[in-house]
Amino acid sequence: MEVSTMTSKGQIVVPARLRKRYGIKPGTKIHFIERDHEILFQPVTSEYIRSVCGLLKGDGSLTKELLKERARDKKREEKKLGKRCAR
């Protein structure tokens, strides 16, 4: 287990072995993840991006689904409006 100490500016040093292993270079963005009583960090590298590409891929188009949902909402609102006007 590697250990690092936080500076007064809130900075920590990632050990060289881990920087090399995970491709962390100056300017690499880091995504912090809170989980239970842990703080994890995920370097956002090109390898990481490739590993998550297509992860949320579905069968249909999200845009089409959103448009269908909006159309259903519009019909529902028109029905409500029609009932109010009929009174």
N, C-alpha and C. Protein backbone atom coordinates (compact mmCIF):
# COMPACT_ATOMS: atom_id res chain seq x y z
N MET A 1 0.85 -1.18 0.00
CA MET A 1 0.00 0.00 0.00
C MET A 1 0.90 1.23 0.00
N GLU A 2 0.59 2.16 -0.87
CA GLU A 2 1.34 3.40 -0.98
C GLU A 2 0.66 4.46 -0.12
N VAL A 3 1.44 5.39 0.43
CA VAL A 3 0.90 6.45 1.29
C VAL A 3 1.38 7.79 0.79
N SER A 4 0.51 8.78 0.86
CA SER A 4 0.86 10.15 0.49
C SER A 4 0.26 11.08 1.53
N THR A 5 0.87 12.24 1.73
CA THR A 5 0.37 13.21 2.70
C THR A 5 -0.19 14.42 1.97
N MET A 6 -1.32 14.91 2.43
CA MET A 6 -1.95 16.07 1.81
C MET A 6 -1.24 17.35 2.26
N THR A 7 -1.05 18.28 1.32
CA THR A 7 -0.42 19.56 1.65
C THR A 7 -1.46 20.52 2.21
N SER A 8 -1.01 21.67 2.66
CA SER A 8 -1.93 22.69 3.18
C SER A 8 -2.84 23.24 2.08
N LYS A 9 -2.47 23.03 0.82
CA LYS A 9 -3.30 23.47 -0.31
C LYS A 9 -4.26 22.38 -0.77
N GLY A 10 -4.33 21.25 -0.07
CA GLY A 10 -5.23 20.17 -0.44
C GLY A 10 -4.70 19.30 -1.56
N GLN A 11 -3.40 19.32 -1.79
CA GLN A 11 -2.80 18.53 -2.86
C GLN A 11 -2.17 17.26 -2.30
N ILE A 12 -2.22 16.21 -3.12
CA ILE A 12 -1.53 14.97 -2.75
C ILE A 12 -0.66 14.54 -3.93
N VAL A 13 0.34 13.74 -3.64
CA VAL A 13 1.22 13.23 -4.68
C VAL A 13 0.81 11.79 -4.96
N VAL A 14 0.53 11.49 -6.22
CA VAL A 14 0.24 10.12 -6.63
C VAL A 14 1.59 9.45 -6.86
N PRO A 15 1.85 8.35 -6.18
CA PRO A 15 3.15 7.68 -6.32
C PRO A 15 3.48 7.36 -7.78
N ALA A 16 4.76 7.49 -8.12
CA ALA A 16 5.24 7.29 -9.49
C ALA A 16 4.81 5.95 -10.07
N ARG A 17 4.87 4.90 -9.28
CA ARG A 17 4.49 3.57 -9.77
C ARG A 17 3.05 3.56 -10.27
N LEU A 18 2.15 4.22 -9.52
CA LEU A 18 0.74 4.26 -9.92
C LEU A 18 0.53 5.20 -11.11
N ARG A 19 1.26 6.32 -11.15
CA ARG A 19 1.14 7.23 -12.30
C ARG A 19 1.52 6.51 -13.59
N LYS A 20 2.62 5.76 -13.54
CA LYS A 20 3.06 5.02 -14.73
C LYS A 20 2.06 3.94 -15.11
N ARG A 21 1.60 3.20 -14.13
CA ARG A 21 0.68 2.08 -14.39
C ARG A 21 -0.63 2.54 -15.02
N TYR A 22 -1.15 3.68 -14.57
CA TYR A 22 -2.46 4.15 -15.04
C TYR A 22 -2.37 5.30 -16.03
N GLY A 23 -1.17 5.63 -16.49
CA GLY A 23 -1.02 6.66 -17.52
C GLY A 23 -1.39 8.05 -17.06
N ILE A 24 -1.14 8.36 -15.81
CA ILE A 24 -1.46 9.68 -15.27
C ILE A 24 -0.29 10.61 -15.55
N LYS A 25 -0.57 11.65 -16.33
CA LYS A 25 0.46 12.62 -16.72
C LYS A 25 0.00 14.01 -16.28
N PRO A 26 0.89 15.00 -16.29
CA PRO A 26 0.45 16.36 -15.97
C PRO A 26 -0.72 16.77 -16.86
N GLY A 27 -1.77 17.29 -16.25
CA GLY A 27 -2.95 17.71 -16.99
C GLY A 27 -4.04 16.66 -17.07
N THR A 28 -3.76 15.42 -16.61
CA THR A 28 -4.78 14.37 -16.63
C THR A 28 -5.89 14.75 -15.66
N LYS A 29 -7.13 14.68 -16.13
CA LYS A 29 -8.28 14.96 -15.26
C LYS A 29 -8.53 13.73 -14.39
N ILE A 30 -8.98 13.99 -13.16
CA ILE A 30 -9.25 12.94 -12.20
C ILE A 30 -10.71 13.05 -11.76
N HIS A 31 -11.45 11.95 -11.83
CA HIS A 31 -12.84 11.90 -11.40
C HIS A 31 -12.86 11.30 -10.00
N PHE A 32 -13.36 12.05 -9.01
CA PHE A 32 -13.45 11.57 -7.63
C PHE A 32 -14.80 10.93 -7.40
N ILE A 33 -14.81 9.78 -6.78
CA ILE A 33 -16.03 9.00 -6.56
C ILE A 33 -16.15 8.73 -5.07
N GLU A 34 -17.28 9.13 -4.48
CA GLU A 34 -17.55 8.83 -3.07
C GLU A 34 -18.36 7.54 -3.02
N ARG A 35 -17.92 6.60 -2.21
CA ARG A 35 -18.63 5.33 -2.08
C ARG A 35 -18.53 4.88 -0.64
N ASP A 36 -19.68 4.82 0.03
CA ASP A 36 -19.74 4.48 1.45
C ASP A 36 -18.76 5.38 2.20
N HIS A 37 -17.74 4.81 2.81
CA HIS A 37 -16.78 5.59 3.57
C HIS A 37 -15.43 5.63 2.87
N GLU A 38 -15.47 5.64 1.52
CA GLU A 38 -14.25 5.65 0.73
C GLU A 38 -14.29 6.79 -0.28
N ILE A 39 -13.12 7.24 -0.67
CA ILE A 39 -12.98 8.17 -1.79
C ILE A 39 -12.10 7.47 -2.81
N LEU A 40 -12.65 7.23 -3.99
CA LEU A 40 -11.89 6.61 -5.07
C LEU A 40 -11.58 7.69 -6.09
N PHE A 41 -10.51 7.52 -6.82
CA PHE A 41 -10.31 8.45 -7.92
C PHE A 41 -9.98 7.69 -9.19
N GLN A 42 -10.59 8.16 -10.28
CA GLN A 42 -10.46 7.52 -11.58
C GLN A 42 -9.80 8.50 -12.53
N PRO A 43 -8.59 8.22 -13.00
CA PRO A 43 -7.98 9.08 -13.99
C PRO A 43 -8.78 8.99 -15.30
N VAL A 44 -9.08 10.13 -15.89
CA VAL A 44 -9.83 10.15 -17.15
C VAL A 44 -8.81 10.21 -18.28
N THR A 45 -8.39 9.03 -18.71
CA THR A 45 -7.40 8.89 -19.77
C THR A 45 -8.08 8.33 -21.02
N SER A 46 -7.37 8.33 -22.13
CA SER A 46 -7.95 7.78 -23.36
C SER A 46 -8.28 6.29 -23.19
N GLU A 47 -7.49 5.57 -22.41
CA GLU A 47 -7.77 4.16 -22.16
C GLU A 47 -9.08 4.01 -21.40
N TYR A 48 -9.30 4.87 -20.41
CA TYR A 48 -10.54 4.82 -19.64
C TYR A 48 -11.74 5.14 -20.53
N ILE A 49 -11.61 6.17 -21.37
CA ILE A 49 -12.70 6.55 -22.27
C ILE A 49 -13.04 5.37 -23.18
N ARG A 50 -12.03 4.73 -23.75
CA ARG A 50 -12.28 3.57 -24.62
C ARG A 50 -12.97 2.44 -23.86
N SER A 51 -12.62 2.27 -22.60
CA SER A 51 -13.20 1.16 -21.82
C SER A 51 -14.68 1.37 -21.52
N VAL A 52 -15.13 2.62 -21.47
CA VAL A 52 -16.54 2.88 -21.17
C VAL A 52 -17.37 3.19 -22.41
N CYS A 53 -16.74 3.31 -23.57
CA CYS A 53 -17.48 3.56 -24.81
C CYS A 53 -18.46 2.43 -25.06
N GLY A 54 -19.70 2.79 -25.34
CA GLY A 54 -20.72 1.80 -25.64
C GLY A 54 -21.33 1.15 -24.42
N LEU A 55 -20.88 1.53 -23.23
CA LEU A 55 -21.38 0.93 -22.00
C LEU A 55 -22.88 1.14 -21.84
N LEU A 56 -23.37 2.30 -22.21
CA LEU A 56 -24.78 2.61 -22.05
C LEU A 56 -25.56 2.48 -23.35
N LYS A 57 -24.95 1.85 -24.31
CA LYS A 57 -25.57 1.70 -25.62
C LYS A 57 -26.86 0.90 -25.50
N GLY A 58 -27.91 1.42 -26.09
CA GLY A 58 -29.19 0.73 -26.07
C GLY A 58 -29.61 0.36 -27.48
N ASP A 59 -30.77 -0.25 -27.57
CA ASP A 59 -31.28 -0.66 -28.88
C ASP A 59 -31.86 0.50 -29.66
N GLY A 60 -32.45 1.47 -28.96
CA GLY A 60 -33.13 2.56 -29.65
C GLY A 60 -32.42 3.88 -29.46
N SER A 61 -32.98 4.89 -30.10
CA SER A 61 -32.43 6.23 -30.00
C SER A 61 -33.03 6.93 -28.78
N LEU A 62 -32.18 7.50 -27.96
CA LEU A 62 -32.68 8.23 -26.80
C LEU A 62 -33.47 9.46 -27.22
N THR A 63 -33.07 10.08 -28.31
CA THR A 63 -33.79 11.25 -28.81
C THR A 63 -35.20 10.86 -29.21
N LYS A 64 -35.35 9.75 -29.93
CA LYS A 64 -36.68 9.30 -30.34
C LYS A 64 -37.55 8.99 -29.13
N GLU A 65 -36.97 8.33 -28.14
CA GLU A 65 -37.72 8.01 -26.93
C GLU A 65 -38.16 9.28 -26.20
N LEU A 66 -37.26 10.26 -26.13
CA LEU A 66 -37.61 11.52 -25.48
C LEU A 66 -38.74 12.23 -26.22
N LEU A 67 -38.69 12.23 -27.54
CA LEU A 67 -39.76 12.87 -28.33
C LEU A 67 -41.09 12.15 -28.13
N LYS A 68 -41.07 10.83 -28.07
CA LYS A 68 -42.31 10.07 -27.82
C LYS A 68 -42.88 10.42 -26.45
N GLU A 69 -41.99 10.50 -25.45
CA GLU A 69 -42.43 10.82 -24.09
C GLU A 69 -43.03 12.22 -24.03
N ARG A 70 -42.40 13.15 -24.71
CA ARG A 70 -42.93 14.52 -24.74
C ARG A 70 -44.29 14.57 -25.43
N ALA A 71 -44.46 13.79 -26.50
CA ALA A 71 -45.75 13.75 -27.21
C ALA A 71 -46.83 13.20 -26.28
N ARG A 72 -46.51 12.16 -25.51
CA ARG A 72 -47.48 11.60 -24.55
C ARG A 72 -47.83 12.64 -23.49
N ASP A 73 -46.83 13.36 -23.00
CA ASP A 73 -47.08 14.41 -22.00
C ASP A 73 -47.99 15.49 -22.57
N LYS A 74 -47.74 15.87 -23.81
CA LYS A 74 -48.55 16.92 -24.45
C LYS A 74 -50.01 16.49 -24.57
N LYS A 75 -50.24 15.23 -25.00
CA LYS A 75 -51.61 14.72 -25.10
C LYS A 75 -52.29 14.72 -23.74
N ARG A 76 -51.56 14.30 -22.73
CA ARG A 76 -52.11 14.26 -21.37
C ARG A 76 -52.51 15.66 -20.91
N GLU A 77 -51.66 16.64 -21.18
CA GLU A 77 -51.96 18.03 -20.80
C GLU A 77 -53.15 18.57 -21.59
N GLU A 78 -53.24 18.22 -22.88
CA GLU A 78 -54.37 18.68 -23.68
C GLU A 78 -55.68 18.10 -23.17
N LYS A 79 -55.65 16.84 -22.73
CA LYS A 79 -56.85 16.22 -22.17
C LYS A 79 -57.28 16.95 -20.90
N LYS A 80 -56.30 17.26 -20.03
CA LYS A 80 -56.61 17.98 -18.79
C LYS A 80 -57.21 19.34 -19.12
N LEU A 81 -56.64 20.04 -20.07
CA LEU A 81 -57.10 21.36 -20.47
C LEU A 81 -58.50 21.26 -21.05
N GLY A 82 -58.75 20.23 -21.86
CA GLY A 82 -60.06 20.03 -22.46
C GLY A 82 -61.12 19.78 -21.41
N LYS A 83 -60.82 19.03 -20.37
CA LYS A 83 -61.77 18.76 -19.29
C LYS A 83 -62.07 20.02 -18.52
N ARG A 84 -61.09 20.87 -18.31
CA ARG A 84 -61.32 22.13 -17.58
C ARG A 84 -62.22 23.08 -18.38
N CYS A 85 -62.02 23.12 -19.68
CA CYS A 85 -62.80 24.01 -20.54
C CYS A 85 -64.23 23.53 -20.68
N ALA A 86 -64.46 22.22 -20.55
CA ALA A 86 -65.80 21.66 -20.71
C ALA A 86 -66.66 21.97 -19.51
N ARG A 87 -66.11 22.31 -18.42
CA ARG A 87 -66.88 22.59 -17.19
C ARG A 87 -67.59 23.86 -17.25
